[in-house]
């Protein structure tokens, strides 16, 4: 019996992932607000009623896509602001990590970039909540850095939000560079300079 249940659960998870993958592909050409569940189920080859075994609505599916796109980024975010190495080394590492993530998951990055200010409120809120978590994690990492001596918690959180916003901007720039590879070096230099500007401001904040 347990073996049968295991097979059913695996099949259910496979169908759920297929729905997410199909939706992500369809969202390359449209926004979530215009996506119909019948489009998604048709792409997967299941009946529309099967959709509701996994998601309450397309908005619910969108929230799941946010979790898939951003949930796995938490370790990378912490590595990006790790105290290992000097400031310039961290910046180079951060830009490389962001570029690598965009190369590996362009559809996820495009989805977040489009829906962050899109027309589906639950998805906007889910993105905002994930980014707030990122900022808190970045703040916690920054607090371990000797350069943060004398900083209060509110200022560290403000700095963390600056870094998170800059990471999103950098990801968007690398996303655009996928369509124009000749711009990639320029994006790398620009992203590095922007990160250095934040770092420079940080050093003089308490002056």
C-alpha atoms as a PDB file:
ATOM      1  CA  UNK A   1       0.000   0.000   0.000  1.00  0.00           C
ATOM      2  CA  UNK A   2       2.766   2.434   0.964  1.00  0.00           C
ATOM      3  CA  UNK A   3       4.536   1.708  -2.314  1.00  0.00           C
ATOM      4  CA  UNK A   4       1.357   2.534  -4.258  1.00  0.00           C
ATOM      5  CA  UNK A   5       0.905   5.747  -2.292  1.00  0.00           C
ATOM      6  CA  UNK A   6       4.512   6.637  -3.013  1.00  0.00           C
ATOM      7  CA  UNK A   7       3.999   6.181  -6.744  1.00  0.00           C
ATOM      8  CA  UNK A   8       0.834   8.287  -6.660  1.00  0.00           C
ATOM      9  CA  UNK A   9       2.564  11.023  -4.708  1.00  0.00           C
ATOM     10  CA  UNK A  10       5.478  11.045  -7.133  1.00  0.00           C
ATOM     11  CA  UNK A  11       3.089  11.268 -10.093  1.00  0.00           C
ATOM     12  CA  UNK A  12       1.185  14.077  -8.404  1.00  0.00           C
ATOM     13  CA  UNK A  13       4.413  15.983  -7.806  1.00  0.00           C
ATOM     14  CA  UNK A  14       5.486  15.379 -11.405  1.00  0.00           C
ATOM     15  CA  UNK A  15       2.188  16.782 -12.724  1.00  0.00           C
ATOM     16  CA  UNK A  16       2.465  19.790 -10.420  1.00  0.00           C
ATOM     17  CA  UNK A  17       5.984  20.517 -11.647  1.00  0.00           C
ATOM     18  CA  UNK A  18       4.833  20.098 -15.249  1.00  0.00           C
ATOM     19  CA  UNK A  19       2.135  22.717 -14.670  1.00  0.00           C
ATOM     20  CA  UNK A  20       4.709  25.106 -13.188  1.00  0.00           C
ATOM     21  CA  UNK A  21       7.133  24.522 -16.060  1.00  0.00           C
ATOM     22  CA  UNK A  22       4.419  24.999 -18.679  1.00  0.00           C
ATOM     23  CA  UNK A  23       3.210  28.193 -17.033  1.00  0.00           C
ATOM     24  CA  UNK A  24       6.741  29.570 -16.882  1.00  0.00           C
ATOM     25  CA  UNK A  25       7.208  28.889 -20.595  1.00  0.00           C
ATOM     26  CA  UNK A  26       3.894  30.554 -21.456  1.00  0.00           C
ATOM     27  CA  UNK A  27       4.798  33.541 -19.291  1.00  0.00           C
ATOM     28  CA  UNK A  28       7.793  34.251 -21.502  1.00  0.00           C
ATOM     29  CA  UNK A  29       5.284  35.809 -23.914  1.00  0.00           C
ATOM     30  CA  UNK A  30       2.625  37.250 -21.578  1.00  0.00           C
ATOM     31  CA  UNK A  31       1.881  38.427 -18.053  1.00  0.00           C
ATOM     32  CA  UNK A  32       0.334  36.280 -15.356  1.00  0.00           C
ATOM     33  CA  UNK A  33      -2.842  38.369 -15.357  1.00  0.00           C
ATOM     34  CA  UNK A  34      -3.565  37.239 -18.935  1.00  0.00           C
ATOM     35  CA  UNK A  35      -2.660  33.574 -18.408  1.00  0.00           C
ATOM     36  CA  UNK A  36      -5.565  31.114 -18.479  1.00  0.00           C
ATOM     37  CA  UNK A  37      -5.502  27.793 -16.672  1.00  0.00           C
ATOM     38  CA  UNK A  38      -6.779  26.053 -19.823  1.00  0.00           C
ATOM     39  CA  UNK A  39      -3.644  27.251 -21.631  1.00  0.00           C
ATOM     40  CA  UNK A  40      -1.510  25.679 -18.945  1.00  0.00           C
ATOM     41  CA  UNK A  41      -3.370  22.372 -18.765  1.00  0.00           C
ATOM     42  CA  UNK A  42      -3.453  22.110 -22.557  1.00  0.00           C
ATOM     43  CA  UNK A  43       0.325  22.559 -22.666  1.00  0.00           C
ATOM     44  CA  UNK A  44       0.749  19.760 -20.120  1.00  0.00           C
ATOM     45  CA  UNK A  45      -1.884  17.510 -21.666  1.00  0.00           C
ATOM     46  CA  UNK A  46      -4.176  17.176 -18.645  1.00  0.00           C
ATOM     47  CA  UNK A  47      -7.825  18.046 -18.115  1.00  0.00           C
ATOM     48  CA  UNK A  48      -8.593  21.533 -16.724  1.00  0.00           C
ATOM     49  CA  UNK A  49     -10.097  19.928 -13.617  1.00  0.00           C
ATOM     50  CA  UNK A  50      -6.670  18.426 -12.848  1.00  0.00           C
ATOM     51  CA  UNK A  51      -5.328  21.928 -12.333  1.00  0.00           C
ATOM     52  CA  UNK A  52      -7.357  22.331  -9.146  1.00  0.00           C
ATOM     53  CA  UNK A  53      -5.744  19.294  -7.556  1.00  0.00           C
ATOM     54  CA  UNK A  54      -2.574  21.353  -7.360  1.00  0.00           C
ATOM     55  CA  UNK A  55      -3.512  25.062  -7.366  1.00  0.00           C
ATOM     56  CA  UNK A  56      -6.567  27.042  -6.336  1.00  0.00           C
ATOM     57  CA  UNK A  57      -6.132  29.544  -9.169  1.00  0.00           C
ATOM     58  CA  UNK A  58      -3.583  30.970 -11.598  1.00  0.00           C
ATOM     59  CA  UNK A  59      -2.716  33.473  -8.858  1.00  0.00           C
ATOM     60  CA  UNK A  60      -1.913  30.548  -6.557  1.00  0.00           C
ATOM     61  CA  UNK A  61       0.230  29.041  -9.310  1.00  0.00           C
ATOM     62  CA  UNK A  62       1.993  32.397  -9.635  1.00  0.00           C
ATOM     63  CA  UNK A  63       2.804  32.427  -5.923  1.00  0.00           C
ATOM     64  CA  UNK A  64       4.250  28.922  -6.291  1.00  0.00           C
ATOM     65  CA  UNK A  65       6.410  30.187  -9.159  1.00  0.00           C
ATOM     66  CA  UNK A  66       7.678  32.987  -6.922  1.00  0.00           C
ATOM     67  CA  UNK A  67       8.665  30.436  -4.283  1.00  0.00           C
ATOM     68  CA  UNK A  68      10.390  28.323  -6.935  1.00  0.00           C
ATOM     69  CA  UNK A  69      12.181  31.305  -8.503  1.00  0.00           C
ATOM     70  CA  UNK A  70      13.287  33.046  -5.312  1.00  0.00           C
ATOM     71  CA  UNK A  71      13.205  30.384  -2.623  1.00  0.00           C
ATOM     72  CA  UNK A  72      16.355  28.691  -3.867  1.00  0.00           C
ATOM     73  CA  UNK A  73      18.236  31.993  -3.941  1.00  0.00           C
ATOM     74  CA  UNK A  74      18.664  32.358  -0.188  1.00  0.00           C
ATOM     75  CA  UNK A  75      22.000  30.468  -0.033  1.00  0.00           C
ATOM     76  CA  UNK A  76      23.321  32.500  -2.987  1.00  0.00           C
ATOM     77  CA  UNK A  77      22.283  35.777  -1.357  1.00  0.00           C
ATOM     78  CA  UNK A  78      24.145  34.862   1.821  1.00  0.00           C
ATOM     79  CA  UNK A  79      27.217  33.889  -0.192  1.00  0.00           C
ATOM     80  CA  UNK A  80      27.033  37.175  -2.093  1.00  0.00           C
ATOM     81  CA  UNK A  81      27.474  39.225   1.078  1.00  0.00           C
ATOM     82  CA  UNK A  82      29.694  36.747   2.904  1.00  0.00           C
ATOM     83  CA  UNK A  83      32.474  38.361   4.940  1.00  0.00           C
ATOM     84  CA  UNK A  84      35.068  36.141   3.224  1.00  0.00           C
ATOM     85  CA  UNK A  85      37.603  38.192   1.287  1.00  0.00           C
ATOM     86  CA  UNK A  86      37.993  41.959   1.008  1.00  0.00           C
ATOM     87  CA  UNK A  87      35.339  44.323  -0.332  1.00  0.00           C
ATOM     88  CA  UNK A  88      36.439  44.144  -3.981  1.00  0.00           C
ATOM     89  CA  UNK A  89      36.608  40.337  -3.874  1.00  0.00           C
ATOM     90  CA  UNK A  90      33.072  40.176  -2.494  1.00  0.00           C
ATOM     91  CA  UNK A  91      31.783  42.477  -5.203  1.00  0.00           C
ATOM     92  CA  UNK A  92      33.406  40.429  -7.969  1.00  0.00           C
ATOM     93  CA  UNK A  93      31.976  37.261  -6.422  1.00  0.00           C
ATOM     94  CA  UNK A  94      28.513  38.823  -6.151  1.00  0.00           C
ATOM     95  CA  UNK A  95      28.434  39.933  -9.784  1.00  0.00           C
ATOM     96  CA  UNK A  96      29.660  36.523 -10.965  1.00  0.00           C
ATOM     97  CA  UNK A  97      27.033  34.701  -8.894  1.00  0.00           C
ATOM     98  CA  UNK A  98      24.231  36.891 -10.214  1.00  0.00           C
ATOM     99  CA  UNK A  99      25.388  36.496 -13.812  1.00  0.00           C
ATOM    100  CA  UNK A 100      25.593  32.734 -13.375  1.00  0.00           C
ATOM    101  CA  UNK A 101      22.096  32.558 -11.930  1.00  0.00           C
ATOM    102  CA  UNK A 102      20.659  34.572 -14.825  1.00  0.00           C
ATOM    103  CA  UNK A 103      22.415  32.274 -17.301  1.00  0.00           C
ATOM    104  CA  UNK A 104      20.963  29.206 -15.569  1.00  0.00           C
ATOM    105  CA  UNK A 105      17.429  30.472 -14.878  1.00  0.00           C
ATOM    106  CA  UNK A 106      16.541  33.268 -17.329  1.00  0.00           C
ATOM    107  CA  UNK A 107      12.812  32.463 -17.381  1.00  0.00           C
ATOM    108  CA  UNK A 108      12.582  32.672 -13.587  1.00  0.00           C
ATOM    109  CA  UNK A 109      14.434  35.988 -13.529  1.00  0.00           C
ATOM    110  CA  UNK A 110      12.241  37.377 -16.316  1.00  0.00           C
ATOM    111  CA  UNK A 111       9.098  36.276 -14.468  1.00  0.00           C
ATOM    112  CA  UNK A 112      10.146  38.042 -11.258  1.00  0.00           C
ATOM    113  CA  UNK A 113      11.220  41.188 -13.110  1.00  0.00           C
ATOM    114  CA  UNK A 114       7.845  41.384 -14.880  1.00  0.00           C
ATOM    115  CA  UNK A 115       5.571  40.413 -11.997  1.00  0.00           C
ATOM    116  CA  UNK A 116       7.289  42.388  -9.232  1.00  0.00           C
ATOM    117  CA  UNK A 117       5.188  45.387 -10.242  1.00  0.00           C
ATOM    118  CA  UNK A 118       2.566  43.442 -12.214  1.00  0.00           C
ATOM    119  CA  UNK A 119      -1.188  43.305 -11.922  1.00  0.00           C
ATOM    120  CA  UNK A 120      -1.607  40.237  -9.683  1.00  0.00           C
ATOM    121  CA  UNK A 121      -1.594  41.346  -6.060  1.00  0.00           C
ATOM    122  CA  UNK A 122      -0.916  37.979  -4.345  1.00  0.00           C
ATOM    123  CA  UNK A 123       2.132  37.504  -6.564  1.00  0.00           C
ATOM    124  CA  UNK A 124       3.411  41.036  -5.906  1.00  0.00           C
ATOM    125  CA  UNK A 125       3.015  40.397  -2.187  1.00  0.00           C
ATOM    126  CA  UNK A 126       4.793  37.047  -2.411  1.00  0.00           C
ATOM    127  CA  UNK A 127       7.730  38.680  -4.201  1.00  0.00           C
ATOM    128  CA  UNK A 128       7.802  41.497  -1.644  1.00  0.00           C
ATOM    129  CA  UNK A 129       7.828  38.989   1.224  1.00  0.00           C
ATOM    130  CA  UNK A 130      10.676  37.010  -0.317  1.00  0.00           C
ATOM    131  CA  UNK A 131      12.712  40.172  -0.906  1.00  0.00           C
ATOM    132  CA  UNK A 132      12.089  41.247   2.694  1.00  0.00           C
ATOM    133  CA  UNK A 133      13.456  37.889   3.813  1.00  0.00           C
ATOM    134  CA  UNK A 134      16.501  38.416   1.611  1.00  0.00           C
ATOM    135  CA  UNK A 135      17.079  41.821   3.187  1.00  0.00           C
ATOM    136  CA  UNK A 136      16.877  40.358   6.690  1.00  0.00           C
ATOM    137  CA  UNK A 137      19.345  37.617   5.770  1.00  0.00           C
ATOM    138  CA  UNK A 138      21.707  40.146   4.213  1.00  0.00           C
ATOM    139  CA  UNK A 139      21.420  42.323   7.319  1.00  0.00           C
ATOM    140  CA  UNK A 140      22.341  39.344   9.510  1.00  0.00           C
ATOM    141  CA  UNK A 141      25.403  38.652   7.367  1.00  0.00           C
ATOM    142  CA  UNK A 142      26.430  42.309   7.320  1.00  0.00           C
ATOM    143  CA  UNK A 143      26.183  42.437  11.107  1.00  0.00           C
ATOM    144  CA  UNK A 144      29.020  39.865  11.290  1.00  0.00           C
ATOM    145  CA  UNK A 145      31.331  42.129   9.288  1.00  0.00           C
ATOM    146  CA  UNK A 146      33.848  44.235  11.295  1.00  0.00           C
ATOM    147  CA  UNK A 147      32.952  47.131   8.969  1.00  0.00           C
ATOM    148  CA  UNK A 148      29.501  47.155  10.585  1.00  0.00           C
ATOM    149  CA  UNK A 149      30.845  48.105  14.008  1.00  0.00           C
ATOM    150  CA  UNK A 150      28.774  50.995  15.350  1.00  0.00           C
ATOM    151  CA  UNK A 151      25.866  50.462  12.939  1.00  0.00           C
ATOM    152  CA  UNK A 152      22.384  50.185  14.395  1.00  0.00           C
ATOM    153  CA  UNK A 153      19.935  47.555  13.237  1.00  0.00           C
ATOM    154  CA  UNK A 154      17.755  49.943  11.217  1.00  0.00           C
ATOM    155  CA  UNK A 155      20.713  51.289   9.247  1.00  0.00           C
ATOM    156  CA  UNK A 156      21.975  47.775   8.561  1.00  0.00           C
ATOM    157  CA  UNK A 157      18.548  46.818   7.245  1.00  0.00           C
ATOM    158  CA  UNK A 158      18.498  49.914   5.032  1.00  0.00           C
ATOM    159  CA  UNK A 159      21.907  48.932   3.647  1.00  0.00           C
ATOM    160  CA  UNK A 160      20.689  45.368   3.140  1.00  0.00           C
ATOM    161  CA  UNK A 161      17.736  46.611   1.094  1.00  0.00           C
ATOM    162  CA  UNK A 162      20.147  48.636  -1.056  1.00  0.00           C
ATOM    163  CA  UNK A 163      22.171  45.509  -1.773  1.00  0.00           C
ATOM    164  CA  UNK A 164      19.085  43.424  -2.559  1.00  0.00           C
ATOM    165  CA  UNK A 165      17.710  46.097  -4.890  1.00  0.00           C
ATOM    166  CA  UNK A 166      21.080  46.339  -6.611  1.00  0.00           C
ATOM    167  CA  UNK A 167      21.176  42.560  -7.059  1.00  0.00           C
ATOM    168  CA  UNK A 168      17.801  42.728  -8.801  1.00  0.00           C
ATOM    169  CA  UNK A 169      18.969  45.578 -11.022  1.00  0.00           C
ATOM    170  CA  UNK A 170      22.115  43.628 -11.867  1.00  0.00           C
ATOM    171  CA  UNK A 171      20.080  40.523 -12.689  1.00  0.00           C
ATOM    172  CA  UNK A 172      17.866  42.575 -15.017  1.00  0.00           C
ATOM    173  CA  UNK A 173      20.924  43.999 -16.780  1.00  0.00           C
ATOM    174  CA  UNK A 174      22.396  40.538 -17.330  1.00  0.00           C
ATOM    175  CA  UNK A 175      18.997  39.365 -18.554  1.00  0.00           C
ATOM    176  CA  UNK A 176      19.035  42.071 -21.227  1.00  0.00           C
ATOM    177  CA  UNK A 177      22.591  41.090 -22.125  1.00  0.00           C
ATOM    178  CA  UNK A 178      21.398  37.576 -23.001  1.00  0.00           C
ATOM    179  CA  UNK A 179      19.845  39.146 -26.093  1.00  0.00           C
ATOM    180  CA  UNK A 180      22.952  41.210 -26.808  1.00  0.00           C
ATOM    181  CA  UNK A 181      26.058  39.257 -25.684  1.00  0.00           C
ATOM    182  CA  UNK A 182      28.356  42.056 -26.803  1.00  0.00           C
ATOM    183  CA  UNK A 183      26.992  44.117 -23.899  1.00  0.00           C
ATOM    184  CA  UNK A 184      27.893  41.559 -21.222  1.00  0.00           C
ATOM    185  CA  UNK A 185      31.318  43.008 -20.415  1.00  0.00           C
ATOM    186  CA  UNK A 186      29.787  46.469 -20.120  1.00  0.00           C
ATOM    187  CA  UNK A 187      27.105  45.109 -17.767  1.00  0.00           C
ATOM    188  CA  UNK A 188      29.755  43.403 -15.647  1.00  0.00           C
ATOM    189  CA  UNK A 189      31.761  46.642 -15.320  1.00  0.00           C
ATOM    190  CA  UNK A 190      28.666  48.736 -14.607  1.00  0.00           C
ATOM    191  CA  UNK A 191      27.335  46.304 -11.993  1.00  0.00           C
ATOM    192  CA  UNK A 192      30.757  46.189 -10.320  1.00  0.00           C
ATOM    193  CA  UNK A 193      30.979  49.997 -10.194  1.00  0.00           C
ATOM    194  CA  UNK A 194      27.465  50.296  -8.769  1.00  0.00           C
ATOM    195  CA  UNK A 195      28.248  47.766  -6.037  1.00  0.00           C
ATOM    196  CA  UNK A 196      31.481  49.611  -5.261  1.00  0.00           C
ATOM    197  CA  UNK A 197      29.564  52.873  -4.944  1.00  0.00           C
ATOM    198  CA  UNK A 198      27.312  51.323  -2.300  1.00  0.00           C
ATOM    199  CA  UNK A 199      30.357  49.884  -0.550  1.00  0.00           C
ATOM    200  CA  UNK A 200      32.096  53.281  -0.578  1.00  0.00           C
ATOM    201  CA  UNK A 201      29.048  54.953   0.900  1.00  0.00           C
ATOM    202  CA  UNK A 202      28.907  52.311   3.569  1.00  0.00           C
ATOM    203  CA  UNK A 203      32.453  53.057   4.726  1.00  0.00           C
ATOM    204  CA  UNK A 204      31.651  56.738   5.193  1.00  0.00           C
ATOM    205  CA  UNK A 205      28.138  56.421   6.628  1.00  0.00           C
ATOM    206  CA  UNK A 206      29.255  56.877  10.242  1.00  0.00           C
ATOM    207  CA  UNK A 207      31.890  59.507   9.441  1.00  0.00           C
END
